[in-house]
Amino acid sequence: MNTRAHLFRRLAEAALILGLLAAISGCRRKGASEREVWAEVDGKPIYRDQVERYYRSRVAAGSDTGSPEQALSFKLNILNELINNQILVAHASRSKITASEAEVDTKVAELQSPYSREEFQQKLADQGLDPASLRDEVRQSLIISQVINKEIASRLTVTDREMAEYFERNKATFNVPETQYHLAQIAVTPTAEPQVRNTKNDDAKNPQAAERKITALYARLRSGEDFATVAQEYSEDVRTASGGGDMGFIPASAFAANSQLKQAITSLKVGEMTGILRTPGGGYHILKLIGREEAGQRDFSSPQVKSAIRQTLMNEREQLLKAAYLEDLRNGAKVRNYLAEKIVAAGANTPQAK
């Protein structure tokens, strides 16, 4: 491409971006609150700031939106999700499907449990939420889940024949290359953690405190207390504490470099736990073997194989039925997507479109 052609192309691209940005700023059906309306469902508005808040939270979680066009496309997808949610909530209202205050209380408490009160308030502020708006979102989520369970999930079935056919088509995926260990852990560190994720907000801040804490926790486990509960309440590993210490399946090769750890784990029977193990950094952990998958080809008769296949097929069918169900509901709703309209209008007037 010569220099002049390249220049015209860059100018055209710049004009497209400016046109799209102008479309957004021009998408201003405003109510009394002066919030920009990006869509309406049966006359009920969905605002720009709602979309922007979801967008910021997803970008912060690691999404790379790339160019301005990609960012705008991402926001358009989020807006479509919010439109679908509003349609589902409206359908739930007509069907008398609700969420009780007790259900909302339980879910909010579950969301807050891994954090201290101050940390949770800060997370809400970072996401542009306050306690009241959080409860509104939780209530909507619970209602949508009930609609999906009632109208979709309850209608799904998978037969043994369908599972057997799936197994034959995907037999290679059930060949485990090496033994895997399903582990859970309780971890205690010898220094103060900036963000504690256990429900007791308990943190050992020095080596002496760490040793006392792990010894006390081990004694409680030996006396019969539930491992997952103790992990949720006291483990200092930010990644696993809220899930009861569950680390998932770990291949045997991951322990090859640590003979002591390998010996401790491979000698366990399912349901047993190790003693107190010291970490290289001076901390401690206790491991529990939840399950073990031996290397080799899995047979269809295995309950674990059947369960995995059933879940896979159910998920696939749920996604298909959900998509069709939403489209069917949209047919009966009056939807106006102002953002989409403005993007189309701006694109039609760019130099590239002429």
Protein backbone atom coordinates (compact mmCIF):
# COMPACT_ATOMS: atom_id res chain seq x y z
CA MET A 1 0.00 0.00 0.00
CA ASN A 2 1.43 3.45 -0.96
CA THR A 3 1.74 6.29 1.52
CA ARG A 4 -1.22 8.26 0.18
CA ALA A 5 -3.57 5.29 0.21
CA HIS A 6 -2.42 4.41 3.72
CA LEU A 7 -3.15 7.98 4.86
CA PHE A 8 -6.68 7.89 3.39
CA ARG A 9 -7.30 4.54 5.08
CA ARG A 10 -6.18 5.88 8.49
CA LEU A 11 -8.38 8.96 8.04
CA ALA A 12 -11.34 6.71 7.19
CA GLU A 13 -10.70 4.56 10.27
CA ALA A 14 -10.50 7.67 12.44
CA ALA A 15 -13.77 8.94 10.98
CA LEU A 16 -15.44 5.62 11.74
CA ILE A 17 -14.31 5.70 15.37
CA LEU A 18 -15.38 9.32 15.77
CA GLY A 19 -18.72 8.48 14.20
CA LEU A 20 -19.29 5.61 16.61
CA LEU A 21 -18.29 7.72 19.61
CA ALA A 22 -20.62 10.43 18.43
CA ALA A 23 -23.36 7.82 18.15
CA ILE A 24 -22.92 6.91 21.79
CA SER A 25 -22.95 10.49 22.96
CA GLY A 26 -26.01 11.09 20.79
CA CYS A 27 -27.89 8.12 22.24
CA ARG A 28 -29.69 10.30 24.75
CA ARG A 29 -33.32 9.53 25.29
CA LYS A 30 -33.39 10.95 28.78
CA GLY A 31 -35.83 10.62 31.62
CA ALA A 32 -36.35 12.88 34.58
CA SER A 33 -33.11 11.66 36.12
CA GLU A 34 -31.16 12.69 32.98
CA ARG A 35 -29.66 9.20 32.64
CA GLU A 36 -28.97 8.15 29.07
CA VAL A 37 -31.32 5.44 27.86
CA TRP A 38 -29.64 2.84 25.64
CA ALA A 39 -32.62 0.50 25.27
CA GLU A 40 -36.24 0.00 26.26
CA VAL A 41 -38.15 -3.20 26.94
CA ASP A 42 -41.92 -2.71 26.91
CA GLY A 43 -41.27 0.94 27.75
CA LYS A 44 -38.94 0.21 30.67
CA PRO A 45 -35.50 1.80 30.19
CA ILE A 46 -32.04 0.27 30.37
CA TYR A 47 -29.48 2.99 31.04
CA ARG A 48 -26.03 3.59 29.71
CA ASP A 49 -24.52 3.67 33.21
CA GLN A 50 -25.83 0.14 33.85
CA VAL A 51 -24.01 -1.15 30.77
CA GLU A 52 -20.87 0.82 31.59
CA ARG A 53 -20.76 -0.60 35.11
CA TYR A 54 -20.96 -4.20 33.87
CA TYR A 55 -18.38 -3.36 31.23
CA ARG A 56 -15.92 -1.98 33.80
CA SER A 57 -16.34 -4.99 36.09
CA ARG A 58 -15.68 -7.45 33.26
CA VAL A 59 -12.69 -5.55 31.94
CA ALA A 60 -11.26 -5.43 35.47
CA ALA A 61 -11.70 -9.21 35.66
CA GLY A 62 -9.22 -9.61 32.83
CA SER A 63 -11.10 -9.00 29.58
CA ASP A 64 -9.03 -7.34 26.85
CA THR A 65 -11.36 -5.22 24.72
CA GLY A 66 -8.69 -4.02 22.31
CA SER A 67 -9.80 -1.31 19.88
CA PRO A 68 -12.66 1.20 20.40
CA GLU A 69 -14.78 -0.84 17.98
CA GLN A 70 -14.22 -4.00 20.03
CA ALA A 71 -15.07 -2.17 23.24
CA LEU A 72 -18.30 -0.89 21.70
CA SER A 73 -19.15 -4.38 20.45
CA PHE A 74 -18.58 -5.69 23.98
CA LYS A 75 -20.97 -3.08 25.38
CA LEU A 76 -23.55 -3.99 22.76
CA ASN A 77 -23.36 -7.62 23.89
CA ILE A 78 -23.77 -6.58 27.54
CA LEU A 79 -26.77 -4.45 26.61
CA ASN A 80 -28.31 -7.46 24.88
CA GLU A 81 -27.82 -9.52 28.06
CA LEU A 82 -29.59 -6.84 30.09
CA ILE A 83 -32.44 -6.76 27.57
CA ASN A 84 -32.83 -10.54 27.90
CA ASN A 85 -32.74 -10.29 31.69
CA GLN A 86 -35.45 -7.64 31.69
CA ILE A 87 -37.61 -9.80 29.45
CA LEU A 88 -37.15 -12.78 31.80
CA VAL A 89 -37.98 -10.69 34.88
CA ALA A 90 -41.13 -9.36 33.21
CA HIS A 91 -42.16 -12.93 32.34
CA ALA A 92 -41.47 -14.00 35.94
CA SER A 93 -43.73 -11.21 37.21
CA ARG A 94 -46.56 -12.37 34.94
CA SER A 95 -45.98 -15.95 36.13
CA LYS A 96 -45.96 -14.90 39.83
CA ILE A 97 -42.33 -16.05 40.29
CA THR A 98 -40.61 -14.11 43.07
CA ALA A 99 -37.64 -14.23 45.43
CA SER A 100 -38.25 -13.83 49.16
CA GLU A 101 -36.33 -11.45 51.39
CA ALA A 102 -34.88 -14.46 53.22
CA GLU A 103 -33.50 -15.83 49.94
CA VAL A 104 -31.96 -12.47 49.12
CA ASP A 105 -30.47 -12.25 52.63
CA THR A 106 -28.89 -15.69 52.26
CA LYS A 107 -27.35 -14.89 48.88
CA VAL A 108 -25.98 -11.52 50.00
CA ALA A 109 -24.43 -13.18 53.06
CA GLU A 110 -22.85 -15.79 50.80
CA LEU A 111 -21.35 -13.08 48.58
CA GLN A 112 -20.01 -11.21 51.60
CA SER A 113 -18.63 -14.23 53.48
CA PRO A 114 -15.10 -14.31 51.95
CA TYR A 115 -14.50 -10.62 52.84
CA SER A 116 -14.34 -8.41 55.85
CA ARG A 117 -17.11 -5.80 56.17
CA GLU A 118 -14.75 -3.03 55.02
CA GLU A 119 -13.46 -5.04 52.04
CA PHE A 120 -16.98 -5.88 50.91
CA GLN A 121 -18.10 -2.25 51.11
CA GLN A 122 -15.07 -1.24 49.07
CA LYS A 123 -15.82 -3.87 46.42
CA LEU A 124 -19.36 -2.58 46.14
CA ALA A 125 -18.10 0.99 45.80
CA ASP A 126 -15.59 -0.08 43.13
CA GLN A 127 -18.46 -1.56 41.13
CA GLY A 128 -20.70 1.46 41.59
CA LEU A 129 -23.09 -0.36 43.92
CA ASP A 130 -24.58 0.29 47.34
CA PRO A 131 -26.30 -2.30 49.58
CA ALA A 132 -29.75 -1.49 48.18
CA SER A 133 -28.72 -1.82 44.53
CA LEU A 134 -26.84 -5.04 45.35
CA ARG A 135 -30.03 -6.50 46.82
CA ASP A 136 -31.93 -5.49 43.68
CA GLU A 137 -29.39 -7.27 41.49
CA VAL A 138 -29.34 -10.35 43.71
CA ARG A 139 -33.15 -10.49 43.67
CA GLN A 140 -33.21 -10.25 39.89
CA SER A 141 -30.58 -12.99 39.58
CA LEU A 142 -32.56 -15.31 41.88
CA ILE A 143 -35.76 -14.69 39.93
CA ILE A 144 -34.06 -15.38 36.60
CA SER A 145 -32.59 -18.60 38.00
CA GLN A 146 -36.06 -19.73 39.07
CA VAL A 147 -37.45 -18.99 35.62
CA ILE A 148 -34.66 -20.96 33.94
CA ASN A 149 -35.11 -23.89 36.33
CA LYS A 150 -38.87 -23.97 35.89
CA GLU A 151 -39.14 -23.33 32.17
CA ILE A 152 -35.94 -24.93 30.87
CA ALA A 153 -33.89 -27.12 33.22
CA SER A 154 -36.92 -29.10 34.44
CA ARG A 155 -37.73 -30.10 30.85
CA LEU A 156 -34.31 -31.54 30.01
CA THR A 157 -33.66 -35.28 29.85
CA VAL A 158 -30.72 -37.45 28.79
CA THR A 159 -31.06 -41.17 28.08
CA ASP A 160 -28.51 -43.92 28.69
CA ARG A 161 -28.34 -44.52 24.95
CA GLU A 162 -27.46 -40.88 24.27
CA MET A 163 -24.73 -41.01 26.93
CA ALA A 164 -23.29 -44.22 25.45
CA GLU A 165 -23.21 -42.68 21.97
CA TYR A 166 -21.45 -39.61 23.35
CA PHE A 167 -18.89 -41.81 25.07
CA GLU A 168 -18.09 -43.67 21.83
CA ARG A 169 -17.67 -40.40 19.93
CA ASN A 170 -15.39 -38.93 22.62
CA LYS A 171 -13.67 -42.01 24.00
CA ALA A 172 -10.19 -40.47 23.79
CA THR A 173 -11.15 -37.70 26.20
CA PHE A 174 -11.77 -40.30 28.90
CA ASN A 175 -8.22 -41.63 28.72
CA VAL A 176 -6.41 -40.20 31.78
CA PRO A 177 -2.65 -39.87 30.99
CA GLU A 178 -1.49 -39.91 34.64
CA THR A 179 -2.87 -40.32 38.12
CA GLN A 180 -4.65 -37.22 39.42
CA TYR A 181 -5.37 -36.32 43.03
CA HIS A 182 -8.39 -34.31 44.09
CA LEU A 183 -7.12 -32.30 47.06
CA ALA A 184 -8.30 -29.76 49.58
CA GLN A 185 -6.07 -27.71 51.83
CA ILE A 186 -5.95 -25.55 54.92
CA ALA A 187 -3.10 -23.06 54.69
CA VAL A 188 -1.59 -20.77 57.32
CA THR A 189 1.04 -18.17 56.45
CA PRO A 190 3.71 -16.70 58.78
CA THR A 191 3.04 -13.08 57.78
CA ALA A 192 0.03 -10.77 57.73
CA GLU A 193 -2.17 -11.23 54.64
CA PRO A 194 -3.41 -8.01 52.98
CA GLN A 195 -6.74 -9.65 52.15
CA VAL A 196 -8.04 -12.49 54.29
CA ARG A 197 -10.75 -14.59 52.65
CA ASN A 198 -11.89 -16.86 55.49
CA THR A 199 -15.23 -16.32 57.20
CA LYS A 200 -13.68 -15.69 60.61
CA ASN A 201 -11.38 -13.00 59.17
CA ASP A 202 -8.60 -14.85 61.06
CA ASP A 203 -4.96 -14.27 60.14
CA ALA A 204 -1.69 -15.38 61.75
CA LYS A 205 0.62 -12.38 61.52
CA ASN A 206 3.97 -13.92 62.52
CA PRO A 207 5.71 -17.34 62.55
CA GLN A 208 4.88 -18.05 66.19
CA ALA A 209 1.20 -17.28 65.68
CA ALA A 210 1.18 -19.40 62.51
CA GLU A 211 2.58 -22.42 64.34
CA ARG A 212 0.06 -22.07 67.18
CA LYS A 213 -2.80 -21.68 64.74
CA ILE A 214 -2.01 -24.67 62.52
CA THR A 215 -1.48 -26.87 65.61
CA ALA A 216 -4.87 -25.84 66.99
CA LEU A 217 -6.61 -26.42 63.64
CA TYR A 218 -5.01 -29.85 63.26
CA ALA A 219 -6.27 -30.79 66.72
CA ARG A 220 -9.80 -29.75 65.76
CA LEU A 221 -9.64 -31.84 62.59
CA ARG A 222 -8.36 -34.83 64.53
CA SER A 223 -11.30 -34.48 66.90
CA GLY A 224 -13.69 -34.87 63.96
CA GLU A 225 -14.52 -31.36 62.79
CA ASP A 226 -15.42 -31.01 59.11
CA PHE A 227 -12.38 -30.19 56.95
CA ALA A 228 -14.24 -27.94 54.49
CA THR A 229 -15.86 -25.93 57.29
CA VAL A 230 -12.54 -25.38 59.09
CA ALA A 231 -10.97 -24.34 55.78
CA GLN A 232 -13.73 -21.82 55.09
CA GLU A 233 -13.42 -20.38 58.57
CA TYR A 234 -9.64 -20.28 59.05
CA SER A 235 -7.58 -21.10 55.94
CA GLU A 236 -5.45 -18.18 54.74
CA ASP A 237 -5.19 -19.22 51.09
CA VAL A 238 -7.13 -16.54 49.21
CA ARG A 239 -7.84 -18.82 46.25
CA THR A 240 -9.35 -21.81 48.02
CA ALA A 241 -10.65 -20.78 51.46
CA SER A 242 -14.14 -19.77 50.31
CA GLY A 243 -14.55 -23.13 48.54
CA GLY A 244 -13.72 -25.18 51.62
CA GLY A 245 -10.08 -25.49 50.59
CA ASP A 246 -10.92 -27.37 47.36
CA MET A 247 -7.90 -27.32 44.99
CA GLY A 248 -9.44 -29.48 42.27
CA PHE A 249 -7.61 -32.34 40.54
CA ILE A 250 -3.80 -32.10 40.48
CA PRO A 251 -1.65 -34.45 38.34
CA ALA A 252 0.98 -36.61 40.03
CA SER A 253 3.75 -34.92 38.03
CA ALA A 254 3.09 -31.69 39.96
CA PHE A 255 4.62 -33.28 43.05
CA ALA A 256 7.69 -34.76 41.35
CA ALA A 257 10.06 -32.04 42.58
CA ASN A 258 9.03 -32.42 46.23
CA SER A 259 9.59 -35.97 47.45
CA GLN A 260 8.23 -35.27 50.94
CA LEU A 261 4.99 -33.84 49.58
CA LYS A 262 4.69 -36.65 47.05
CA GLN A 263 5.12 -39.27 49.77
CA ALA A 264 2.56 -37.57 52.01
CA ILE A 265 -0.08 -37.43 49.28
CA THR A 266 0.43 -40.80 47.60
CA SER A 267 0.24 -42.60 50.96
CA LEU A 268 -3.25 -41.23 51.67
CA LYS A 269 -6.47 -43.12 51.20
CA VAL A 270 -9.50 -41.19 49.95
CA GLY A 271 -10.95 -39.23 52.86
CA GLU A 272 -7.70 -39.10 54.82
CA MET A 273 -5.58 -36.03 55.54
CA THR A 274 -1.89 -35.41 55.95
CA GLY A 275 -0.20 -34.21 59.09
CA ILE A 276 1.04 -30.64 59.33
CA LEU A 277 3.29 -29.92 56.33
CA ARG A 278 5.71 -27.01 56.24
CA THR A 279 5.87 -24.90 53.08
CA PRO A 280 9.11 -23.48 51.60
CA GLY A 281 8.07 -19.99 52.70
CA GLY A 282 7.81 -20.92 56.36
CA GLY A 283 4.06 -21.41 56.42
CA TYR A 284 2.02 -24.55 57.00
CA HIS A 285 -0.71 -26.53 55.33
CA ILE A 286 -2.78 -29.63 55.86
CA LEU A 287 -4.01 -31.55 52.82
CA LYS A 288 -7.00 -33.85 52.46
CA LEU A 289 -7.46 -36.38 49.65
CA ILE A 290 -11.02 -36.03 48.36
CA GLY A 291 -10.61 -38.39 45.41
CA ARG A 292 -8.14 -40.05 43.09
CA GLU A 293 -8.27 -40.76 39.36
CA GLU A 294 -5.88 -43.48 38.26
CA ALA A 295 -4.20 -43.30 34.86
CA GLY A 296 -5.80 -45.26 32.01
CA GLN A 297 -8.85 -45.51 29.79
CA ARG A 298 -12.11 -44.90 31.60
CA ASP A 299 -14.98 -47.27 30.98
CA PHE A 300 -18.54 -46.15 30.28
CA SER A 301 -19.75 -48.15 33.27
CA SER A 302 -17.91 -45.78 35.63
CA PRO A 303 -20.38 -43.62 37.64
CA GLN A 304 -17.99 -40.65 37.32
CA VAL A 305 -17.90 -41.01 33.53
CA LYS A 306 -21.67 -41.22 33.27
CA SER A 307 -22.09 -38.24 35.57
CA ALA A 308 -19.67 -36.14 33.50
CA ILE A 309 -21.36 -37.09 30.22
CA ARG A 310 -24.84 -36.42 31.60
CA GLN A 311 -23.77 -32.98 32.83
CA THR A 312 -22.14 -32.12 29.49
CA LEU A 313 -25.23 -33.10 27.49
CA MET A 314 -27.54 -31.32 29.92
CA ASN A 315 -25.46 -28.14 29.65
CA GLU A 316 -25.51 -28.26 25.84
CA ARG A 317 -29.26 -28.76 25.72
CA GLU A 318 -29.89 -26.10 28.32
CA GLN A 319 -27.94 -23.54 26.28
CA LEU A 320 -29.89 -24.42 23.12
CA LEU A 321 -33.29 -24.39 24.80
CA LYS A 322 -32.48 -21.20 26.69
CA ALA A 323 -31.49 -19.40 23.48
CA ALA A 324 -34.69 -20.51 21.74
CA TYR A 325 -36.80 -19.68 24.81
CA LEU A 326 -35.40 -16.16 24.99
CA GLU A 327 -36.02 -15.56 21.30
CA ASP A 328 -39.60 -16.76 21.74
CA LEU A 329 -40.12 -14.36 24.65
CA ARG A 330 -38.53 -11.53 22.64
CA ASN A 331 -41.12 -12.11 19.92
CA GLY A 332 -43.79 -11.04 22.39
CA ALA A 333 -41.89 -8.07 23.82
CA LYS A 334 -41.49 -4.56 22.45
CA VAL A 335 -37.73 -4.03 22.36
CA ARG A 336 -36.02 -0.85 21.20
CA ASN A 337 -32.20 -0.85 21.14
CA TYR A 338 -31.21 2.79 20.70
CA LEU A 339 -27.50 2.07 20.89
CA ALA A 340 -27.72 -0.41 18.01
CA GLU A 341 -29.75 2.07 15.97
CA LYS A 342 -27.18 4.83 16.48
CA ILE A 343 -24.24 2.57 15.60
CA VAL A 344 -25.95 1.54 12.35
CA ALA A 345 -26.74 5.16 11.50
CA ALA A 346 -23.19 6.30 12.22
CA GLY A 347 -21.66 3.45 10.23
CA ALA A 348 -23.81 4.23 7.17
CA ASN A 349 -22.45 7.79 7.05
CA THR A 350 -18.73 6.96 7.30
CA PRO A 351 -16.44 7.36 4.27
CA GLN A 352 -15.90 3.59 4.19
CA ALA A 353 -19.62 2.95 3.72
CA LYS A 354 -19.97 5.28 0.74
